[in-house]
Amino acid sequence: NETVYLTVLDGYHCLYIYAIESSSRLMARTTVGMKLPMYCSAVGKAILAFLPHSKVHEILEHAGMKAITPHTIVSEEELFKELDKIKKTGLAVDNQEAKMHMFCLGSPIFDAKGTVFAACRISTRDPYILNEKVQEYSSGILYTAQEISRRMGFIPTAETLFWHGMENPLRIKTAN
């Protein structure tokens, strides 16, 4: 009962191409066709984590890293640490980085060649998604991204079968 989005890499941004809004809460109002910076969104970071470092530097150089909220990561060093974690788990977090009171989990989507080209995310205005519900929601978003990838012709490897056997993916401290 939360909102889910599908995005694709479009130049130096994430382009929102599909949304299913939750009927049980206020709509997030993310518009299909909207572009967001890569460094401050769960979907953007999910994509960045699986791009070559040279491409990530190019994107950051072009887009810059300005604070959108008090929680936005604006340090390349801090971002690269987070991208390393995402590469291990397949799970990216937006803890009020792009919009205050918006909490998101995202996961990368790969094509038949194993190239990341898209990501999906689940969003809510309630921080429980990053705390007591993180296991449930992260398993769902990881499985969904993996299934979309598989249908695109991607054959997962042991390193990219993120959702399988997840016991304790993350425990994220919610930014106040």
Protein backbone atom coordinates (compact mmCIF):
# COMPACT_ATOMS: atom_id res chain seq x y z
CA ASN A 1 0.00 0.00 0.00
CA GLU A 2 2.83 2.41 -0.81
CA THR A 3 3.80 4.27 -3.95
CA VAL A 4 6.20 2.62 -6.38
CA TYR A 5 8.15 4.14 -9.26
CA LEU A 6 10.14 3.01 -12.25
CA THR A 7 12.95 5.21 -13.54
CA VAL A 8 15.55 5.02 -16.28
CA LEU A 9 18.95 6.59 -16.61
CA ASP A 10 18.54 9.61 -18.87
CA GLY A 11 21.82 11.40 -19.43
CA TYR A 12 22.85 12.71 -16.01
CA HIS A 13 19.48 12.24 -14.30
CA CYS A 14 16.81 9.70 -13.38
CA LEU A 15 13.75 9.99 -15.56
CA TYR A 16 10.50 8.82 -13.96
CA ILE A 17 8.65 6.73 -16.54
CA TYR A 18 5.99 4.96 -14.48
CA ALA A 19 4.28 5.33 -11.11
CA ILE A 20 1.67 3.45 -9.15
CA GLU A 21 0.35 5.74 -6.44
CA SER A 22 -0.91 4.36 -3.16
CA SER A 23 -4.61 4.76 -2.58
CA SER A 24 -4.14 4.69 1.19
CA ARG A 25 -2.20 7.92 1.71
CA LEU A 26 -1.46 11.33 0.26
CA MET A 27 0.07 11.06 -3.17
CA ALA A 28 3.77 11.82 -3.50
CA ARG A 29 3.02 13.88 -6.61
CA THR A 30 6.09 12.69 -8.49
CA THR A 31 5.15 13.19 -12.09
CA VAL A 32 5.97 10.76 -14.83
CA GLY A 33 8.42 12.63 -17.03
CA MET A 34 10.10 14.36 -14.08
CA LYS A 35 13.88 14.18 -13.75
CA LEU A 36 15.78 14.00 -10.45
CA PRO A 37 19.49 14.23 -9.65
CA MET A 38 21.15 10.85 -9.25
CA TYR A 39 23.06 11.51 -6.00
CA CYS A 40 20.06 12.24 -3.76
CA SER A 41 17.48 9.65 -4.77
CA ALA A 42 17.23 5.94 -4.00
CA VAL A 43 16.77 5.13 -7.68
CA GLY A 44 19.67 7.35 -8.71
CA LYS A 45 22.03 5.86 -6.16
CA ALA A 46 20.89 2.34 -7.12
CA ILE A 47 21.97 3.09 -10.69
CA LEU A 48 25.17 4.96 -9.75
CA ALA A 49 26.40 2.04 -7.64
CA PHE A 50 26.62 -0.19 -10.71
CA LEU A 51 28.12 2.30 -13.15
CA PRO A 52 31.87 2.59 -13.74
CA HIS A 53 33.51 5.10 -11.38
CA SER A 54 34.48 7.27 -14.36
CA LYS A 55 30.81 7.57 -15.37
CA VAL A 56 29.78 8.40 -11.79
CA HIS A 57 32.42 11.17 -11.67
CA GLU A 58 31.17 12.50 -15.01
CA ILE A 59 27.56 12.58 -13.76
CA LEU A 60 28.53 14.30 -10.51
CA GLU A 61 30.71 16.82 -12.33
CA HIS A 62 27.87 17.70 -14.66
CA ALA A 63 25.08 17.75 -12.07
CA GLY A 64 26.98 19.01 -9.04
CA MET A 65 26.08 17.99 -5.51
CA LYS A 66 24.04 20.69 -3.82
CA ALA A 67 22.00 20.23 -0.68
CA ILE A 68 18.31 19.87 -1.53
CA THR A 69 17.40 19.12 2.10
CA PRO A 70 19.49 19.15 5.28
CA HIS A 71 19.94 15.37 4.77
CA THR A 72 21.27 15.43 1.20
CA ILE A 73 24.69 13.86 0.75
CA VAL A 74 26.94 16.56 -0.72
CA SER A 75 30.33 14.89 -0.30
CA GLU A 76 31.65 12.64 -3.08
CA GLU A 77 33.58 10.63 -0.49
CA GLU A 78 30.43 9.98 1.55
CA LEU A 79 28.44 9.17 -1.59
CA PHE A 80 31.04 6.65 -2.80
CA LYS A 81 30.97 4.93 0.61
CA GLU A 82 27.21 4.60 0.27
CA LEU A 83 27.52 3.35 -3.32
CA ASP A 84 29.90 0.62 -2.12
CA LYS A 85 27.26 -0.56 0.37
CA ILE A 86 24.59 -0.49 -2.31
CA LYS A 87 26.76 -2.57 -4.62
CA LYS A 88 26.94 -5.27 -1.91
CA THR A 89 23.24 -5.27 -1.01
CA GLY A 90 21.48 -4.03 -4.14
CA LEU A 91 19.46 -1.72 -1.91
CA ALA A 92 19.62 2.08 -2.00
CA VAL A 93 18.06 4.45 0.52
CA ASP A 94 16.73 7.98 0.31
CA ASN A 95 16.38 9.14 3.90
CA GLN A 96 14.80 12.56 3.26
CA GLU A 97 17.61 13.48 0.85
CA ALA A 98 15.49 14.66 -2.08
CA LYS A 99 12.40 15.73 -0.13
CA MET A 100 11.70 16.19 3.56
CA HIS A 101 9.47 13.53 5.14
CA MET A 102 9.95 11.18 2.17
CA PHE A 103 11.63 7.80 2.76
CA CYS A 104 12.50 5.50 -0.13
CA LEU A 105 14.12 2.17 -0.93
CA GLY A 106 15.40 1.51 -4.44
CA SER A 107 17.04 -1.28 -6.37
CA PRO A 108 18.84 -1.42 -9.76
CA ILE A 109 17.51 -3.00 -12.93
CA PHE A 110 19.88 -4.62 -15.43
CA ASP A 111 19.54 -5.43 -19.13
CA ALA A 112 20.53 -8.65 -20.91
CA LYS A 113 24.17 -7.50 -21.10
CA GLY A 114 24.30 -6.93 -17.35
CA THR A 115 24.31 -3.14 -17.70
CA VAL A 116 22.33 -1.11 -15.18
CA PHE A 117 19.88 1.12 -17.02
CA ALA A 118 16.96 1.61 -14.64
CA ALA A 119 15.79 1.31 -11.05
CA CYS A 120 12.58 0.95 -9.11
CA ARG A 121 11.69 2.37 -5.73
CA ILE A 122 9.07 2.26 -3.04
CA SER A 123 8.25 5.52 -1.25
CA THR A 124 6.42 6.53 1.87
CA ARG A 125 6.07 9.50 4.18
CA ASP A 126 6.50 7.19 7.17
CA PRO A 127 10.03 6.30 8.37
CA TYR A 128 8.93 2.78 9.34
CA ILE A 129 10.09 1.72 5.85
CA LEU A 130 13.67 2.22 7.06
CA ASN A 131 13.14 0.68 10.48
CA GLU A 132 10.66 -1.99 11.56
CA LYS A 133 9.45 -2.67 7.98
CA VAL A 134 12.88 -2.59 6.28
CA GLN A 135 13.06 -6.39 5.92
CA GLU A 136 9.63 -6.68 4.33
CA TYR A 137 9.97 -3.73 1.98
CA SER A 138 13.59 -4.29 0.99
CA SER A 139 12.90 -7.94 0.15
CA GLY A 140 9.98 -6.85 -2.02
CA ILE A 141 11.82 -4.11 -3.93
CA LEU A 142 14.92 -6.28 -4.43
CA TYR A 143 12.84 -9.16 -5.73
CA THR A 144 10.85 -6.87 -8.03
CA ALA A 145 13.97 -5.26 -9.54
CA GLN A 146 15.55 -8.70 -9.98
CA GLU A 147 12.42 -10.03 -11.67
CA ILE A 148 12.23 -7.05 -14.07
CA SER A 149 15.93 -7.56 -14.84
CA ARG A 150 15.37 -11.27 -15.48
CA ARG A 151 12.52 -10.47 -17.87
CA MET A 152 14.88 -8.08 -19.69
CA GLY A 153 17.19 -11.05 -20.29
CA PHE A 154 19.53 -10.51 -17.35
CA ILE A 155 20.98 -13.66 -15.82
CA PRO A 156 21.83 -12.96 -12.17
CA THR A 157 25.15 -14.03 -10.72
CA ALA A 158 25.87 -14.81 -7.07
CA GLU A 159 26.96 -11.15 -6.70
CA THR A 160 23.72 -9.77 -8.14
CA LEU A 161 21.13 -12.11 -6.65
CA PHE A 162 20.52 -9.60 -3.86
CA TRP A 163 17.13 -10.60 -2.57
CA HIS A 164 17.88 -14.31 -2.17
CA GLY A 165 18.46 -15.33 1.42
CA MET A 166 18.31 -11.85 2.91
CA GLU A 167 18.34 -12.12 6.67
CA ASN A 168 19.01 -8.59 7.88
CA PRO A 169 19.55 -6.22 4.95
CA LEU A 170 19.78 -2.87 6.72
CA ARG A 171 18.83 -1.08 9.84
CA ILE A 172 18.80 2.60 8.99
CA LYS A 173 18.71 5.43 11.46
CA THR A 174 16.06 7.86 10.31
CA ALA A 175 17.26 11.43 9.92
CA ASN A 176 15.36 13.80 12.24
